[in-house]
Amino acid sequence: MSAMISVEEALARVLASAGTPLDEERVALEAAYGRVLARDIRAARTQPPFPNSAMDGYALRAADTARAPTTLTVVGESAAGHAFAGALGPGEAVRIFTGAPMPEDADTIVMQEDVRREGDRIALAAPVAAGENLREAGLDFRAGDALIAAGRRLTPRDVALAAAANHAHLAVRRRARVAILATGDELVPPGVALGPAQIVASNNFAVAGVAEAAGAISVDLGIAVDELGALRDGPAPTSW
C-alpha cells in the first residue's frame, strides 16, 4: 500500500499538471463576467468624444460675463444626443443639459441656479471663469489608452469599462474543466434508499461548487467502488 503524501505535495502535483495557460477564446461582453482576460484592453474610442456639460445650465463665453452683472440672449438648446447647431456669438448663451455637447465658441457653463431667466434673456450677477462645469474630450480616456491588463479576472466594472471603450467581444482564457470522481463502496447518490453501512455522497457537490466559484466547469464522473480496476477503467468525461 502506498504511503500517504502531504497536502503540500498533493497541491504541488496538481499545479505541476496544469502546464501552460489555458487557450484563449473570444466571448461576447455578457459572457465575460468572472473570466480571465487573455489580452490587454485598449480604448477603441475617446471618452467623452466631445467637450460636454457636467451640469444643467447655460453655455456661454466667459468674456461676456467679465463686466457682470449682465444679461445674455438665449439662442438655442443643447441636450444629450441633440447638439446645438451653429456657433455662439457675443452676448449669446445656449440652454444646456448634463452630458450635452458644448456649442462651438462657448468656453464655460454657468449652473441654472446661478442665473435668473426671463423669456429669452438670462441675468448673471457675477463673472464666470472659463472652463467652469465643462468636461473636456478625453477626460476619461483616449483612443489607444491601456485600460485593463491581461491576467485580470473581469469584474462587472471591468466589463462596463470595456463596453464604454467600444469593445463588443473580449479575448479571455478558456474555462478549466474539473472532473470529480467520488470513491467508496459505502457511497450512494442523494435521494436513494441507503443499504446497511452506506452513506450519502456529498463531498463531490462541495468540490463542484468550489470549482465553479473559481470559474471552472465541473464534470461529475459519478461514484467508483474501492477497487483499483474501477478507478483505472472507470467512466471518462463525455464532454471534455
C-alpha atoms as a PDB file:
ATOM      1  CA  MET A   1       0.000   0.000   0.000  1.00  0.00           C
ATOM      2  CA  SER A   2       1.404   3.383  -0.980  1.00  0.00           C
ATOM      3  CA  ALA A   3       2.305   5.870   1.731  1.00  0.00           C
ATOM      4  CA  MET A   4       0.177   8.962   2.219  1.00  0.00           C
ATOM      5  CA  ILE A   5       1.552  12.185   0.767  1.00  0.00           C
ATOM      6  CA  SER A   6       1.292  15.603   2.369  1.00  0.00           C
ATOM      7  CA  VAL A   7      -1.235  18.250   1.360  1.00  0.00           C
ATOM      8  CA  GLU A   8       1.647  20.420   0.130  1.00  0.00           C
ATOM      9  CA  GLU A   9       2.959  17.664  -2.143  1.00  0.00           C
ATOM     10  CA  ALA A  10      -0.522  16.901  -3.454  1.00  0.00           C
ATOM     11  CA  LEU A  11      -1.061  20.585  -4.266  1.00  0.00           C
ATOM     12  CA  ALA A  12       2.336  20.800  -5.963  1.00  0.00           C
ATOM     13  CA  ARG A  13       1.492  17.788  -8.155  1.00  0.00           C
ATOM     14  CA  VAL A  14      -1.853  19.285  -9.153  1.00  0.00           C
ATOM     15  CA  LEU A  15      -0.308  22.650 -10.026  1.00  0.00           C
ATOM     16  CA  ALA A  16       2.529  20.992 -11.954  1.00  0.00           C
ATOM     17  CA  SER A  17      -0.014  19.151 -14.079  1.00  0.00           C
ATOM     18  CA  ALA A  18      -1.685  22.421 -15.064  1.00  0.00           C
ATOM     19  CA  GLY A  19       1.022  23.154 -17.647  1.00  0.00           C
ATOM     20  CA  THR A  20       0.719  26.248 -19.814  1.00  0.00           C
ATOM     21  CA  PRO A  21      -2.141  28.742 -19.519  1.00  0.00           C
ATOM     22  CA  LEU A  22      -5.443  27.640 -20.994  1.00  0.00           C
ATOM     23  CA  ASP A  23      -6.196  28.530 -24.604  1.00  0.00           C
ATOM     24  CA  GLU A  24      -7.884  31.832 -25.294  1.00  0.00           C
ATOM     25  CA  GLU A  25     -11.314  32.347 -26.806  1.00  0.00           C
ATOM     26  CA  ARG A  26     -13.402  35.353 -27.774  1.00  0.00           C
ATOM     27  CA  VAL A  27     -16.654  35.869 -25.918  1.00  0.00           C
ATOM     28  CA  ALA A  28     -19.383  38.490 -26.012  1.00  0.00           C
ATOM     29  CA  LEU A  29     -19.337  41.054 -23.211  1.00  0.00           C
ATOM     30  CA  GLU A  30     -22.308  39.476 -21.457  1.00  0.00           C
ATOM     31  CA  ALA A  31     -20.329  36.219 -21.157  1.00  0.00           C
ATOM     32  CA  ALA A  32     -17.129  37.885 -19.878  1.00  0.00           C
ATOM     33  CA  TYR A  33     -18.045  38.392 -16.210  1.00  0.00           C
ATOM     34  CA  GLY A  34     -15.617  36.478 -13.984  1.00  0.00           C
ATOM     35  CA  ARG A  35     -13.457  35.348 -16.911  1.00  0.00           C
ATOM     36  CA  VAL A  36      -9.668  35.856 -17.004  1.00  0.00           C
ATOM     37  CA  LEU A  37      -8.576  38.405 -19.598  1.00  0.00           C
ATOM     38  CA  ALA A  38      -6.151  36.960 -22.174  1.00  0.00           C
ATOM     39  CA  ARG A  39      -5.158  40.198 -23.944  1.00  0.00           C
ATOM     40  CA  ASP A  40      -4.786  43.792 -22.776  1.00  0.00           C
ATOM     41  CA  ILE A  41      -7.793  46.010 -23.409  1.00  0.00           C
ATOM     42  CA  ARG A  42      -7.057  49.319 -25.107  1.00  0.00           C
ATOM     43  CA  ALA A  43      -9.584  52.040 -25.753  1.00  0.00           C
ATOM     44  CA  ALA A  44     -11.071  51.880 -29.237  1.00  0.00           C
ATOM     45  CA  ARG A  45     -12.507  55.390 -28.858  1.00  0.00           C
ATOM     46  CA  THR A  46     -12.125  58.605 -26.882  1.00  0.00           C
ATOM     47  CA  GLN A  47     -14.405  59.154 -23.873  1.00  0.00           C
ATOM     48  CA  PRO A  48     -16.060  61.580 -23.773  1.00  0.00           C
ATOM     49  CA  PRO A  49     -15.727  62.071 -27.539  1.00  0.00           C
ATOM     50  CA  PHE A  50     -16.529  65.800 -27.356  1.00  0.00           C
ATOM     51  CA  PRO A  51     -16.487  68.579 -24.749  1.00  0.00           C
ATOM     52  CA  ASN A  52     -19.735  68.388 -22.788  1.00  0.00           C
ATOM     53  CA  SER A  53     -21.553  69.849 -19.827  1.00  0.00           C
ATOM     54  CA  ALA A  54     -21.232  68.487 -16.300  1.00  0.00           C
ATOM     55  CA  MET A  55     -24.302  70.448 -15.173  1.00  0.00           C
ATOM     56  CA  ASP A  56     -27.717  71.663 -16.264  1.00  0.00           C
ATOM     57  CA  GLY A  57     -27.311  75.336 -17.046  1.00  0.00           C
ATOM     58  CA  TYR A  58     -26.215  77.692 -19.807  1.00  0.00           C
ATOM     59  CA  ALA A  59     -23.228  77.509 -22.146  1.00  0.00           C
ATOM     60  CA  LEU A  60     -21.651  80.869 -22.894  1.00  0.00           C
ATOM     61  CA  ARG A  61     -18.419  82.810 -23.429  1.00  0.00           C
ATOM     62  CA  ALA A  62     -16.648  83.730 -20.194  1.00  0.00           C
ATOM     63  CA  ALA A  63     -15.534  87.038 -21.699  1.00  0.00           C
ATOM     64  CA  ASP A  64     -19.196  88.104 -21.970  1.00  0.00           C
ATOM     65  CA  THR A  65     -19.522  87.960 -18.175  1.00  0.00           C
ATOM     66  CA  ALA A  66     -16.402  89.995 -17.335  1.00  0.00           C
ATOM     67  CA  ARG A  67     -18.471  93.114 -16.588  1.00  0.00           C
ATOM     68  CA  ALA A  68     -21.222  91.361 -14.650  1.00  0.00           C
ATOM     69  CA  PRO A  69     -23.890  91.971 -13.644  1.00  0.00           C
ATOM     70  CA  THR A  70     -25.012  91.474 -17.229  1.00  0.00           C
ATOM     71  CA  THR A  71     -27.675  89.843 -19.367  1.00  0.00           C
ATOM     72  CA  LEU A  72     -27.277  87.439 -22.305  1.00  0.00           C
ATOM     73  CA  THR A  73     -29.666  86.249 -25.003  1.00  0.00           C
ATOM     74  CA  VAL A  74     -30.575  82.551 -25.114  1.00  0.00           C
ATOM     75  CA  VAL A  75     -30.412  81.463 -28.768  1.00  0.00           C
ATOM     76  CA  GLY A  76     -30.985  77.719 -28.556  1.00  0.00           C
ATOM     77  CA  GLU A  77     -30.636  74.485 -26.651  1.00  0.00           C
ATOM     78  CA  SER A  78     -28.159  71.570 -26.425  1.00  0.00           C
ATOM     79  CA  ALA A  79     -29.325  68.261 -24.942  1.00  0.00           C
ATOM     80  CA  ALA A  80     -27.768  64.813 -24.691  1.00  0.00           C
ATOM     81  CA  GLY A  81     -27.966  63.303 -28.164  1.00  0.00           C
ATOM     82  CA  HIS A  82     -29.174  66.601 -29.672  1.00  0.00           C
ATOM     83  CA  ALA A  83     -26.418  69.182 -30.130  1.00  0.00           C
ATOM     84  CA  PHE A  84     -26.960  72.877 -30.757  1.00  0.00           C
ATOM     85  CA  ALA A  85     -26.358  73.629 -34.436  1.00  0.00           C
ATOM     86  CA  GLY A  86     -24.190  76.644 -35.088  1.00  0.00           C
ATOM     87  CA  ALA A  87     -21.689  78.814 -33.248  1.00  0.00           C
ATOM     88  CA  LEU A  88     -22.229  81.071 -30.276  1.00  0.00           C
ATOM     89  CA  GLY A  89     -21.917  84.808 -30.889  1.00  0.00           C
ATOM     90  CA  PRO A  90     -21.014  87.640 -28.486  1.00  0.00           C
ATOM     91  CA  GLY A  91     -23.656  88.229 -25.822  1.00  0.00           C
ATOM     92  CA  GLU A  92     -25.350  84.884 -26.510  1.00  0.00           C
ATOM     93  CA  ALA A  93     -25.971  81.746 -24.436  1.00  0.00           C
ATOM     94  CA  VAL A  94     -27.345  78.269 -25.072  1.00  0.00           C
ATOM     95  CA  ARG A  95     -29.505  76.305 -22.655  1.00  0.00           C
ATOM     96  CA  ILE A  96     -27.525  73.107 -21.978  1.00  0.00           C
ATOM     97  CA  PHE A  97     -28.169  69.885 -20.077  1.00  0.00           C
ATOM     98  CA  THR A  98     -25.826  67.420 -18.377  1.00  0.00           C
ATOM     99  CA  GLY A  99     -23.852  65.378 -20.937  1.00  0.00           C
ATOM    100  CA  ALA A 100     -24.847  67.588 -23.873  1.00  0.00           C
ATOM    101  CA  PRO A 101     -22.200  68.703 -26.420  1.00  0.00           C
ATOM    102  CA  MET A 102     -20.642  72.110 -25.868  1.00  0.00           C
ATOM    103  CA  PRO A 103     -21.696  74.637 -28.543  1.00  0.00           C
ATOM    104  CA  GLU A 104     -18.971  75.957 -30.840  1.00  0.00           C
ATOM    105  CA  ASP A 105     -17.202  79.042 -29.424  1.00  0.00           C
ATOM    106  CA  ALA A 106     -18.654  78.561 -25.916  1.00  0.00           C
ATOM    107  CA  ASP A 107     -15.982  78.038 -23.256  1.00  0.00           C
ATOM    108  CA  THR A 108     -17.826  77.780 -19.940  1.00  0.00           C
ATOM    109  CA  ILE A 109     -21.110  76.739 -18.336  1.00  0.00           C
ATOM    110  CA  VAL A 110     -22.992  78.556 -15.606  1.00  0.00           C
ATOM    111  CA  MET A 111     -25.318  76.447 -13.448  1.00  0.00           C
ATOM    112  CA  GLN A 112     -29.006  77.166 -13.873  1.00  0.00           C
ATOM    113  CA  GLU A 113     -29.235  78.002 -10.153  1.00  0.00           C
ATOM    114  CA  ASP A 114     -26.806  80.909 -10.676  1.00  0.00           C
ATOM    115  CA  VAL A 115     -28.870  82.797 -13.256  1.00  0.00           C
ATOM    116  CA  ARG A 116     -32.284  84.428 -13.425  1.00  0.00           C
ATOM    117  CA  ARG A 117     -34.177  83.840 -16.654  1.00  0.00           C
ATOM    118  CA  GLU A 118     -36.967  85.900 -18.132  1.00  0.00           C
ATOM    119  CA  GLY A 119     -38.104  84.859 -21.590  1.00  0.00           C
ATOM    120  CA  ASP A 120     -35.035  84.520 -23.814  1.00  0.00           C
ATOM    121  CA  ARG A 121     -32.786  86.546 -21.504  1.00  0.00           C
ATOM    122  CA  ILE A 122     -30.673  85.380 -18.572  1.00  0.00           C
ATOM    123  CA  ALA A 123     -29.189  87.658 -15.924  1.00  0.00           C
ATOM    124  CA  LEU A 124     -25.836  86.897 -14.260  1.00  0.00           C
ATOM    125  CA  ALA A 125     -24.812  88.640 -11.062  1.00  0.00           C
ATOM    126  CA  ALA A 126     -21.102  87.712 -11.154  1.00  0.00           C
ATOM    127  CA  PRO A 127     -18.410  86.855 -13.727  1.00  0.00           C
ATOM    128  CA  VAL A 128     -17.894  83.213 -14.732  1.00  0.00           C
ATOM    129  CA  ALA A 129     -14.407  81.729 -15.275  1.00  0.00           C
ATOM    130  CA  ALA A 130     -13.603  79.849 -18.468  1.00  0.00           C
ATOM    131  CA  GLY A 131     -13.876  76.070 -18.147  1.00  0.00           C
ATOM    132  CA  GLU A 132     -16.442  76.017 -15.358  1.00  0.00           C
ATOM    133  CA  ASN A 133     -18.578  72.833 -15.268  1.00  0.00           C
ATOM    134  CA  LEU A 134     -17.011  71.656 -18.524  1.00  0.00           C
ATOM    135  CA  ARG A 135     -15.845  68.079 -19.214  1.00  0.00           C
ATOM    136  CA  GLU A 136     -13.174  68.139 -21.898  1.00  0.00           C
ATOM    137  CA  ALA A 137     -12.970  65.474 -24.619  1.00  0.00           C
ATOM    138  CA  GLY A 138     -10.843  62.523 -23.466  1.00  0.00           C
ATOM    139  CA  LEU A 139     -11.290  63.281 -19.764  1.00  0.00           C
ATOM    140  CA  ASP A 140     -11.909  59.570 -19.027  1.00  0.00           C
ATOM    141  CA  PHE A 141      -9.613  58.034 -21.672  1.00  0.00           C
ATOM    142  CA  ARG A 142      -8.373  58.496 -25.219  1.00  0.00           C
ATOM    143  CA  ALA A 143      -8.279  56.074 -28.145  1.00  0.00           C
ATOM    144  CA  GLY A 144      -5.309  53.734 -27.713  1.00  0.00           C
ATOM    145  CA  ASP A 145      -5.020  54.151 -23.936  1.00  0.00           C
ATOM    146  CA  ALA A 146      -4.305  50.927 -21.991  1.00  0.00           C
ATOM    147  CA  LEU A 147      -7.314  50.265 -19.762  1.00  0.00           C
ATOM    148  CA  ILE A 148      -7.133  46.709 -18.344  1.00  0.00           C
ATOM    149  CA  ALA A 149      -4.093  44.394 -18.293  1.00  0.00           C
ATOM    150  CA  ALA A 150      -4.221  40.743 -19.347  1.00  0.00           C
ATOM    151  CA  GLY A 151      -4.474  38.266 -16.476  1.00  0.00           C
ATOM    152  CA  ARG A 152      -7.192  40.108 -14.591  1.00  0.00           C
ATOM    153  CA  ARG A 153     -10.388  38.326 -13.576  1.00  0.00           C
ATOM    154  CA  LEU A 154     -13.038  40.603 -15.006  1.00  0.00           C
ATOM    155  CA  THR A 155     -15.472  42.316 -12.643  1.00  0.00           C
ATOM    156  CA  PRO A 156     -18.761  43.946 -13.704  1.00  0.00           C
ATOM    157  CA  ARG A 157     -16.955  47.316 -13.566  1.00  0.00           C
ATOM    158  CA  ASP A 158     -14.252  46.000 -15.921  1.00  0.00           C
ATOM    159  CA  VAL A 159     -16.839  44.755 -18.410  1.00  0.00           C
ATOM    160  CA  ALA A 160     -18.636  48.107 -18.294  1.00  0.00           C
ATOM    161  CA  LEU A 161     -15.327  49.886 -18.972  1.00  0.00           C
ATOM    162  CA  ALA A 162     -14.672  47.596 -21.956  1.00  0.00           C
ATOM    163  CA  ALA A 163     -18.134  48.442 -23.297  1.00  0.00           C
ATOM    164  CA  ALA A 164     -17.502  52.179 -22.865  1.00  0.00           C
ATOM    165  CA  ALA A 165     -14.254  51.709 -24.818  1.00  0.00           C
ATOM    166  CA  ASN A 166     -16.377  50.250 -27.678  1.00  0.00           C
ATOM    167  CA  HIS A 167     -15.451  46.560 -27.351  1.00  0.00           C
ATOM    168  CA  ALA A 168     -18.272  44.089 -28.062  1.00  0.00           C
ATOM    169  CA  HIS A 169     -16.105  40.975 -27.564  1.00  0.00           C
ATOM    170  CA  LEU A 170     -13.089  40.173 -25.357  1.00  0.00           C
ATOM    171  CA  ALA A 171     -10.283  37.615 -25.517  1.00  0.00           C
ATOM    172  CA  VAL A 172     -10.405  35.508 -22.349  1.00  0.00           C
ATOM    173  CA  ARG A 173      -8.917  32.230 -21.132  1.00  0.00           C
ATOM    174  CA  ARG A 174     -10.958  29.101 -21.679  1.00  0.00           C
ATOM    175  CA  ARG A 175     -12.646  27.901 -18.506  1.00  0.00           C
ATOM    176  CA  ALA A 176     -10.875  24.966 -16.833  1.00  0.00           C
ATOM    177  CA  ARG A 177     -12.773  21.672 -16.746  1.00  0.00           C
ATOM    178  CA  VAL A 178     -12.536  19.788 -13.458  1.00  0.00           C
ATOM    179  CA  ALA A 179     -13.524  16.115 -13.345  1.00  0.00           C
ATOM    180  CA  ILE A 180     -14.889  14.951  -9.988  1.00  0.00           C
ATOM    181  CA  LEU A 181     -14.981  11.273  -9.041  1.00  0.00           C
ATOM    182  CA  ALA A 182     -16.362  10.160  -5.683  1.00  0.00           C
ATOM    183  CA  THR A 183     -14.878   6.857  -4.421  1.00  0.00           C
ATOM    184  CA  GLY A 184     -16.045   4.381  -1.817  1.00  0.00           C
ATOM    185  CA  ASP A 185     -18.074   1.171  -1.512  1.00  0.00           C
ATOM    186  CA  GLU A 186     -20.175   2.907   1.124  1.00  0.00           C
ATOM    187  CA  LEU A 187     -21.317   5.844  -1.055  1.00  0.00           C
ATOM    188  CA  VAL A 188     -24.685   6.255  -2.762  1.00  0.00           C
ATOM    189  CA  PRO A 189     -26.187   9.295  -4.521  1.00  0.00           C
ATOM    190  CA  PRO A 190     -28.568  11.591  -2.622  1.00  0.00           C
ATOM    191  CA  GLY A 191     -32.244  10.639  -2.773  1.00  0.00           C
ATOM    192  CA  VAL A 192     -31.909   6.852  -2.895  1.00  0.00           C
ATOM    193  CA  ALA A 193     -32.576   4.270  -0.205  1.00  0.00           C
ATOM    194  CA  LEU A 194     -29.479   3.534   1.893  1.00  0.00           C
ATOM    195  CA  GLY A 195     -28.408  -0.039   2.489  1.00  0.00           C
ATOM    196  CA  PRO A 196     -26.550  -1.338   5.523  1.00  0.00           C
ATOM    197  CA  ALA A 197     -23.316   0.617   6.188  1.00  0.00           C
ATOM    198  CA  GLN A 198     -23.959   3.074   3.361  1.00  0.00           C
ATOM    199  CA  ILE A 199     -23.811   6.879   3.457  1.00  0.00           C
ATOM    200  CA  VAL A 200     -24.759   9.634   1.035  1.00  0.00           C
ATOM    201  CA  ALA A 201     -22.022  11.032  -1.216  1.00  0.00           C
ATOM    202  CA  SER A 202     -21.767  14.770  -0.542  1.00  0.00           C
ATOM    203  CA  ASN A 203     -18.146  15.884  -0.929  1.00  0.00           C
ATOM    204  CA  ASN A 204     -18.434  15.847  -4.730  1.00  0.00           C
ATOM    205  CA  PHE A 205     -21.039  18.613  -4.520  1.00  0.00           C
ATOM    206  CA  ALA A 206     -18.783  20.744  -2.338  1.00  0.00           C
ATOM    207  CA  VAL A 207     -15.830  20.274  -4.712  1.00  0.00           C
ATOM    208  CA  ALA A 208     -18.021  21.130  -7.722  1.00  0.00           C
ATOM    209  CA  GLY A 209     -19.212  24.305  -6.005  1.00  0.00           C
ATOM    210  CA  VAL A 210     -15.674  25.419  -5.174  1.00  0.00           C
ATOM    211  CA  ALA A 211     -14.511  24.710  -8.739  1.00  0.00           C
ATOM    212  CA  GLU A 212     -17.380  26.620 -10.341  1.00  0.00           C
ATOM    213  CA  ALA A 213     -16.993  29.530  -7.913  1.00  0.00           C
ATOM    214  CA  ALA A 214     -13.401  29.815  -9.181  1.00  0.00           C
ATOM    215  CA  GLY A 215     -14.635  29.939 -12.782  1.00  0.00           C
ATOM    216  CA  ALA A 216     -14.182  26.287 -13.770  1.00  0.00           C
ATOM    217  CA  ILE A 217     -16.660  23.857 -15.307  1.00  0.00           C
ATOM    218  CA  SER A 218     -17.240  20.810 -13.121  1.00  0.00           C
ATOM    219  CA  VAL A 219     -17.771  17.378 -14.693  1.00  0.00           C
ATOM    220  CA  ASP A 220     -19.365  14.745 -12.433  1.00  0.00           C
ATOM    221  CA  LEU A 221     -17.968  11.247 -13.062  1.00  0.00           C
ATOM    222  CA  GLY A 222     -20.231   9.611 -10.512  1.00  0.00           C
ATOM    223  CA  ILE A 223     -19.133   7.132  -7.816  1.00  0.00           C
ATOM    224  CA  ALA A 224     -16.422   4.474  -8.115  1.00  0.00           C
ATOM    225  CA  VAL A 225     -16.112   1.445  -5.829  1.00  0.00           C
ATOM    226  CA  ASP A 226     -12.963   0.676  -3.850  1.00  0.00           C
ATOM    227  CA  GLU A 227     -11.258  -1.429  -6.478  1.00  0.00           C
ATOM    228  CA  LEU A 228      -8.156  -0.383  -8.440  1.00  0.00           C
ATOM    229  CA  GLY A 229      -9.572  -1.568 -11.753  1.00  0.00           C
ATOM    230  CA  ALA A 230     -12.692   0.525 -11.246  1.00  0.00           C
ATOM    231  CA  LEU A 231     -10.525   3.601 -10.749  1.00  0.00           C
ATOM    232  CA  ARG A 232      -8.320   2.799 -13.735  1.00  0.00           C
ATOM    233  CA  ASP A 233     -11.121   1.880 -16.130  1.00  0.00           C
ATOM    234  CA  GLY A 234     -13.912   3.992 -14.706  1.00  0.00           C
ATOM    235  CA  PRO A 235     -16.117   6.437 -16.645  1.00  0.00           C
ATOM    236  CA  ALA A 236     -14.438   9.185 -18.668  1.00  0.00           C
ATOM    237  CA  PRO A 237     -15.882  12.667 -19.137  1.00  0.00           C
ATOM    238  CA  THR A 238     -18.245  12.789 -22.092  1.00  0.00           C
ATOM    239  CA  SER A 239     -17.692  16.490 -22.843  1.00  0.00           C
ATOM    240  CA  TRP A 240     -14.018  17.042 -22.059  1.00  0.00           C
END
